[in-house]
Amino acid sequence: MSGFYLLLLFAAAVLEASGDALVRTGLHSTLLVKRAEFLFLGGIVLFSYGVVVNLPSWDFGRLLGVYVAMFFFVAQLINYFAFGQKPSVPIIVGGALIISGGLIISFWRT
């Protein structure tokens, strides 16, 4: 998988995880105006993710294997920096398996 595709997948992962974080923030906001703003922004960001991840014509099965690893990594960063939640040991161990699987799918040549 080329560097450009990996960069595109990383951008999509950032968009999806950020959009999810915006929606989550909106759902838990107590002010109606803030709730609406976060939900609206989250919807726009998630739509953007859908466009970015589907622009190239690539093998969708291989794409998802690599993408899941990137999404996991980005989601953990956002969870830590935006919500202040450190990953637990099971998340770190499971995440290492997810990321190693993504590396295998990405770089194993048949």
N, C-alpha and C. Protein backbone atom coordinates (compact mmCIF):
# COMPACT_ATOMS: atom_id res chain seq x y z
N MET A 1 0.86 -1.17 0.00
CA MET A 1 0.00 0.00 0.00
C MET A 1 0.90 1.23 0.00
N SER A 2 0.64 2.15 -0.89
CA SER A 2 1.52 3.31 -1.03
C SER A 2 1.37 4.28 0.13
N GLY A 3 2.38 5.13 0.28
CA GLY A 3 2.38 6.14 1.33
C GLY A 3 1.20 7.09 1.21
N PHE A 4 0.82 7.41 -0.04
CA PHE A 4 -0.31 8.32 -0.24
C PHE A 4 -1.59 7.70 0.30
N TYR A 5 -1.80 6.40 0.02
CA TYR A 5 -3.01 5.75 0.52
C TYR A 5 -3.01 5.67 2.04
N LEU A 6 -1.84 5.41 2.62
CA LEU A 6 -1.76 5.37 4.09
C LEU A 6 -2.07 6.74 4.68
N LEU A 7 -1.58 7.79 4.03
CA LEU A 7 -1.87 9.15 4.49
C LEU A 7 -3.36 9.45 4.37
N LEU A 8 -3.96 9.03 3.28
CA LEU A 8 -5.40 9.22 3.08
C LEU A 8 -6.21 8.47 4.13
N LEU A 9 -5.79 7.24 4.44
CA LEU A 9 -6.47 6.48 5.48
C LEU A 9 -6.31 7.13 6.85
N PHE A 10 -5.12 7.67 7.11
CA PHE A 10 -4.90 8.36 8.38
C PHE A 10 -5.81 9.58 8.49
N ALA A 11 -5.93 10.35 7.40
CA ALA A 11 -6.82 11.52 7.39
C ALA A 11 -8.27 11.08 7.65
N ALA A 12 -8.67 9.98 7.03
CA ALA A 12 -10.03 9.47 7.24
C ALA A 12 -10.22 9.05 8.69
N ALA A 13 -9.22 8.42 9.29
CA ALA A 13 -9.32 8.00 10.69
C ALA A 13 -9.45 9.21 11.61
N VAL A 14 -8.68 10.26 11.31
CA VAL A 14 -8.78 11.48 12.12
C VAL A 14 -10.17 12.09 11.99
N LEU A 15 -10.70 12.12 10.77
CA LEU A 15 -12.04 12.67 10.57
C LEU A 15 -13.10 11.84 11.30
N GLU A 16 -13.02 10.52 11.17
CA GLU A 16 -14.05 9.69 11.81
C GLU A 16 -13.98 9.78 13.33
N ALA A 17 -12.80 9.64 13.89
CA ALA A 17 -12.67 9.69 15.35
C ALA A 17 -13.04 11.07 15.89
N SER A 18 -12.67 12.11 15.17
CA SER A 18 -13.03 13.48 15.59
C SER A 18 -14.53 13.70 15.50
N GLY A 19 -15.12 13.21 14.41
CA GLY A 19 -16.57 13.33 14.27
C GLY A 19 -17.31 12.60 15.37
N ASP A 20 -16.84 11.39 15.70
CA ASP A 20 -17.44 10.64 16.81
C ASP A 20 -17.29 11.40 18.12
N ALA A 21 -16.13 12.00 18.34
CA ALA A 21 -15.90 12.77 19.58
C ALA A 21 -16.83 13.99 19.65
N LEU A 22 -17.04 14.64 18.51
CA LEU A 22 -17.96 15.79 18.49
C LEU A 22 -19.39 15.36 18.80
N VAL A 23 -19.82 14.25 18.19
CA VAL A 23 -21.17 13.75 18.46
C VAL A 23 -21.31 13.36 19.93
N ARG A 24 -20.31 12.69 20.46
CA ARG A 24 -20.33 12.29 21.87
C ARG A 24 -20.43 13.52 22.78
N THR A 25 -19.65 14.54 22.47
CA THR A 25 -19.70 15.77 23.26
C THR A 25 -21.08 16.42 23.16
N GLY A 26 -21.65 16.42 21.96
CA GLY A 26 -22.97 16.99 21.78
C GLY A 26 -24.05 16.24 22.55
N LEU A 27 -23.97 14.93 22.53
CA LEU A 27 -24.97 14.13 23.24
C LEU A 27 -24.92 14.33 24.75
N HIS A 28 -23.75 14.65 25.28
CA HIS A 28 -23.59 14.82 26.72
C HIS A 28 -23.60 16.27 27.16
N SER A 29 -23.82 17.20 26.24
CA SER A 29 -23.87 18.61 26.58
C SER A 29 -25.21 18.95 27.22
N THR A 30 -25.17 19.81 28.22
CA THR A 30 -26.41 20.18 28.91
C THR A 30 -27.11 21.37 28.26
N LEU A 31 -26.36 22.19 27.53
CA LEU A 31 -26.96 23.35 26.87
C LEU A 31 -27.46 22.95 25.48
N LEU A 32 -28.70 23.26 25.19
CA LEU A 32 -29.31 22.86 23.93
C LEU A 32 -28.56 23.42 22.72
N VAL A 33 -28.13 24.67 22.80
CA VAL A 33 -27.41 25.29 21.68
C VAL A 33 -26.08 24.58 21.44
N LYS A 34 -25.33 24.31 22.50
CA LYS A 34 -24.06 23.61 22.37
C LYS A 34 -24.29 22.19 21.84
N ARG A 35 -25.33 21.55 22.34
CA ARG A 35 -25.65 20.20 21.86
C ARG A 35 -25.89 20.21 20.36
N ALA A 36 -26.69 21.14 19.89
CA ALA A 36 -26.99 21.23 18.46
C ALA A 36 -25.73 21.54 17.65
N GLU A 37 -24.90 22.45 18.15
CA GLU A 37 -23.67 22.80 17.43
C GLU A 37 -22.74 21.60 17.30
N PHE A 38 -22.50 20.90 18.39
CA PHE A 38 -21.60 19.75 18.35
C PHE A 38 -22.16 18.64 17.47
N LEU A 39 -23.45 18.38 17.55
CA LEU A 39 -24.05 17.34 16.73
C LEU A 39 -23.98 17.70 15.24
N PHE A 40 -24.23 18.96 14.92
CA PHE A 40 -24.16 19.42 13.53
C PHE A 40 -22.73 19.30 13.00
N LEU A 41 -21.76 19.80 13.77
CA LEU A 41 -20.36 19.71 13.36
C LEU A 41 -19.92 18.25 13.23
N GLY A 42 -20.33 17.43 14.18
CA GLY A 42 -19.99 16.01 14.11
C GLY A 42 -20.54 15.37 12.84
N GLY A 43 -21.76 15.72 12.47
CA GLY A 43 -22.35 15.19 11.24
C GLY A 43 -21.57 15.60 10.00
N ILE A 44 -21.14 16.86 9.95
CA ILE A 44 -20.35 17.34 8.81
C ILE A 44 -19.01 16.61 8.74
N VAL A 45 -18.34 16.46 9.89
CA VAL A 45 -17.04 15.80 9.92
C VAL A 45 -17.19 14.32 9.54
N LEU A 46 -18.24 13.65 10.03
CA LEU A 46 -18.44 12.25 9.68
C LEU A 46 -18.78 12.07 8.20
N PHE A 47 -19.52 13.00 7.63
CA PHE A 47 -19.80 12.96 6.20
C PHE A 47 -18.49 13.12 5.41
N SER A 48 -17.64 14.04 5.88
CA SER A 48 -16.34 14.25 5.22
C SER A 48 -15.50 12.98 5.27
N TYR A 49 -15.53 12.30 6.40
CA TYR A 49 -14.82 11.02 6.51
C TYR A 49 -15.31 10.05 5.44
N GLY A 50 -16.64 9.95 5.29
CA GLY A 50 -17.20 9.02 4.31
C GLY A 50 -16.75 9.32 2.90
N VAL A 51 -16.60 10.60 2.58
CA VAL A 51 -16.13 10.97 1.25
C VAL A 51 -14.65 10.61 1.09
N VAL A 52 -13.83 10.99 2.07
CA VAL A 52 -12.39 10.76 1.98
C VAL A 52 -12.06 9.28 1.89
N VAL A 53 -12.69 8.45 2.71
CA VAL A 53 -12.35 7.03 2.74
C VAL A 53 -12.81 6.31 1.47
N ASN A 54 -13.77 6.88 0.77
CA ASN A 54 -14.28 6.21 -0.43
C ASN A 54 -13.84 6.84 -1.75
N LEU A 55 -13.00 7.87 -1.71
CA LEU A 55 -12.52 8.50 -2.94
C LEU A 55 -11.70 7.54 -3.81
N PRO A 56 -10.67 6.92 -3.28
CA PRO A 56 -9.87 6.02 -4.13
C PRO A 56 -10.62 4.73 -4.42
N SER A 57 -10.26 4.11 -5.53
CA SER A 57 -10.85 2.79 -5.84
C SER A 57 -9.82 1.74 -5.44
N TRP A 58 -9.96 1.26 -4.21
CA TRP A 58 -9.02 0.27 -3.69
C TRP A 58 -9.78 -0.93 -3.18
N ASP A 59 -9.05 -1.98 -2.88
CA ASP A 59 -9.61 -3.22 -2.36
C ASP A 59 -10.23 -2.92 -0.99
N PHE A 60 -11.56 -2.95 -0.93
CA PHE A 60 -12.26 -2.53 0.28
C PHE A 60 -11.93 -3.41 1.48
N GLY A 61 -11.77 -4.71 1.28
CA GLY A 61 -11.43 -5.62 2.38
C GLY A 61 -10.06 -5.32 2.96
N ARG A 62 -9.08 -5.11 2.10
CA ARG A 62 -7.73 -4.78 2.57
C ARG A 62 -7.74 -3.41 3.22
N LEU A 63 -8.45 -2.50 2.63
CA LEU A 63 -8.56 -1.14 3.17
C LEU A 63 -9.06 -1.16 4.61
N LEU A 64 -10.11 -1.91 4.86
CA LEU A 64 -10.69 -1.92 6.20
C LEU A 64 -9.76 -2.51 7.24
N GLY A 65 -8.98 -3.51 6.86
CA GLY A 65 -8.02 -4.08 7.80
C GLY A 65 -6.99 -3.05 8.26
N VAL A 66 -6.47 -2.30 7.32
CA VAL A 66 -5.49 -1.26 7.65
C VAL A 66 -6.19 -0.10 8.36
N TYR A 67 -7.37 0.24 7.87
CA TYR A 67 -8.09 1.38 8.43
C TYR A 67 -8.45 1.16 9.91
N VAL A 68 -8.87 -0.03 10.25
CA VAL A 68 -9.25 -0.32 11.64
C VAL A 68 -8.08 -0.06 12.57
N ALA A 69 -6.88 -0.45 12.15
CA ALA A 69 -5.69 -0.22 12.98
C ALA A 69 -5.45 1.28 13.16
N MET A 70 -5.56 2.03 12.07
CA MET A 70 -5.36 3.49 12.16
C MET A 70 -6.44 4.14 13.02
N PHE A 71 -7.67 3.71 12.81
CA PHE A 71 -8.77 4.28 13.57
C PHE A 71 -8.58 4.02 15.06
N PHE A 72 -8.19 2.81 15.42
CA PHE A 72 -7.95 2.49 16.82
C PHE A 72 -6.92 3.44 17.42
N PHE A 73 -5.80 3.61 16.73
CA PHE A 73 -4.72 4.46 17.23
C PHE A 73 -5.19 5.90 17.41
N VAL A 74 -5.83 6.45 16.40
CA VAL A 74 -6.31 7.84 16.47
C VAL A 74 -7.38 7.99 17.55
N ALA A 75 -8.28 7.02 17.66
CA ALA A 75 -9.33 7.08 18.68
C ALA A 75 -8.74 7.10 20.08
N GLN A 76 -7.68 6.33 20.30
CA GLN A 76 -7.05 6.32 21.63
C GLN A 76 -6.39 7.67 21.93
N LEU A 77 -5.79 8.28 20.92
CA LEU A 77 -5.20 9.61 21.12
C LEU A 77 -6.27 10.63 21.48
N ILE A 78 -7.36 10.62 20.75
CA ILE A 78 -8.46 11.56 21.02
C ILE A 78 -9.07 11.28 22.39
N ASN A 79 -9.25 10.01 22.72
CA ASN A 79 -9.80 9.65 24.02
C ASN A 79 -8.93 10.20 25.15
N TYR A 80 -7.63 10.12 24.96
CA TYR A 80 -6.70 10.60 26.00
C TYR A 80 -6.67 12.13 26.06
N PHE A 81 -6.49 12.79 24.91
CA PHE A 81 -6.31 14.23 24.91
C PHE A 81 -7.63 15.02 25.04
N ALA A 82 -8.71 14.50 24.47
CA ALA A 82 -9.98 15.24 24.53
C ALA A 82 -10.81 14.89 25.76
N PHE A 83 -10.73 13.63 26.19
CA PHE A 83 -11.58 13.19 27.30
C PHE A 83 -10.79 12.82 28.55
N GLY A 84 -9.46 12.87 28.47
CA GLY A 84 -8.62 12.61 29.64
C GLY A 84 -8.65 11.18 30.16
N GLN A 85 -8.95 10.24 29.27
CA GLN A 85 -9.03 8.84 29.69
C GLN A 85 -7.83 8.06 29.18
N LYS A 86 -7.04 7.54 30.12
CA LYS A 86 -5.88 6.73 29.75
C LYS A 86 -6.34 5.33 29.35
N PRO A 87 -5.69 4.74 28.34
CA PRO A 87 -6.07 3.37 27.98
C PRO A 87 -5.64 2.39 29.05
N SER A 88 -6.50 1.42 29.31
CA SER A 88 -6.21 0.37 30.29
C SER A 88 -5.27 -0.66 29.66
N VAL A 89 -4.78 -1.55 30.48
CA VAL A 89 -3.89 -2.61 29.99
C VAL A 89 -4.58 -3.47 28.92
N PRO A 90 -5.84 -3.90 29.13
CA PRO A 90 -6.49 -4.69 28.08
C PRO A 90 -6.62 -3.92 26.75
N ILE A 91 -6.84 -2.62 26.83
CA ILE A 91 -6.94 -1.83 25.60
C ILE A 91 -5.58 -1.75 24.92
N ILE A 92 -4.53 -1.59 25.70
CA ILE A 92 -3.18 -1.53 25.12
C ILE A 92 -2.82 -2.87 24.47
N VAL A 93 -3.07 -3.97 25.17
CA VAL A 93 -2.74 -5.29 24.63
C VAL A 93 -3.59 -5.59 23.39
N GLY A 94 -4.89 -5.38 23.51
CA GLY A 94 -5.76 -5.61 22.35
C GLY A 94 -5.42 -4.68 21.20
N GLY A 95 -5.09 -3.44 21.52
CA GLY A 95 -4.70 -2.49 20.48
C GLY A 95 -3.43 -2.89 19.78
N ALA A 96 -2.48 -3.46 20.53
CA ALA A 96 -1.25 -3.94 19.90
C ALA A 96 -1.56 -5.04 18.89
N LEU A 97 -2.53 -5.89 19.22
CA LEU A 97 -2.94 -6.93 18.27
C LEU A 97 -3.62 -6.33 17.05
N ILE A 98 -4.47 -5.33 17.26
CA ILE A 98 -5.14 -4.66 16.15
C ILE A 98 -4.12 -4.00 15.23
N ILE A 99 -3.18 -3.27 15.82
CA ILE A 99 -2.17 -2.57 15.02
C ILE A 99 -1.25 -3.55 14.31
N SER A 100 -0.87 -4.63 14.98
CA SER A 100 -0.02 -5.63 14.30
C SER A 100 -0.78 -6.26 13.13
N GLY A 101 -2.07 -6.49 13.29
CA GLY A 101 -2.87 -7.01 12.19
C GLY A 101 -2.92 -6.04 11.02
N GLY A 102 -3.06 -4.75 11.31
CA GLY A 102 -3.06 -3.75 10.26
C GLY A 102 -1.73 -3.69 9.52
N LEU A 103 -0.63 -3.85 10.26
CA LEU A 103 0.69 -3.86 9.63
C LEU A 103 0.86 -5.08 8.74
N ILE A 104 0.37 -6.22 9.20
CA ILE A 104 0.45 -7.44 8.38
C ILE A 104 -0.34 -7.26 7.09
N ILE A 105 -1.56 -6.76 7.19
CA ILE A 105 -2.40 -6.56 6.01
C ILE A 105 -1.75 -5.55 5.06
N SER A 106 -1.15 -4.52 5.61
CA SER A 106 -0.58 -3.46 4.80
C SER A 106 0.70 -3.87 4.09
N PHE A 107 1.58 -4.59 4.77
CA PHE A 107 2.92 -4.80 4.23
C PHE A 107 3.23 -6.23 3.77
N TRP A 108 2.38 -7.20 4.05
CA TRP A 108 2.63 -8.57 3.62
C TRP A 108 2.40 -8.66 2.12
N ARG A 109 3.41 -9.08 1.42
CA ARG A 109 3.32 -9.24 -0.04
C ARG A 109 3.11 -10.71 -0.36
N THR A 110 2.08 -11.00 -1.15
CA THR A 110 1.79 -12.40 -1.51
C THR A 110 2.39 -12.75 -2.84
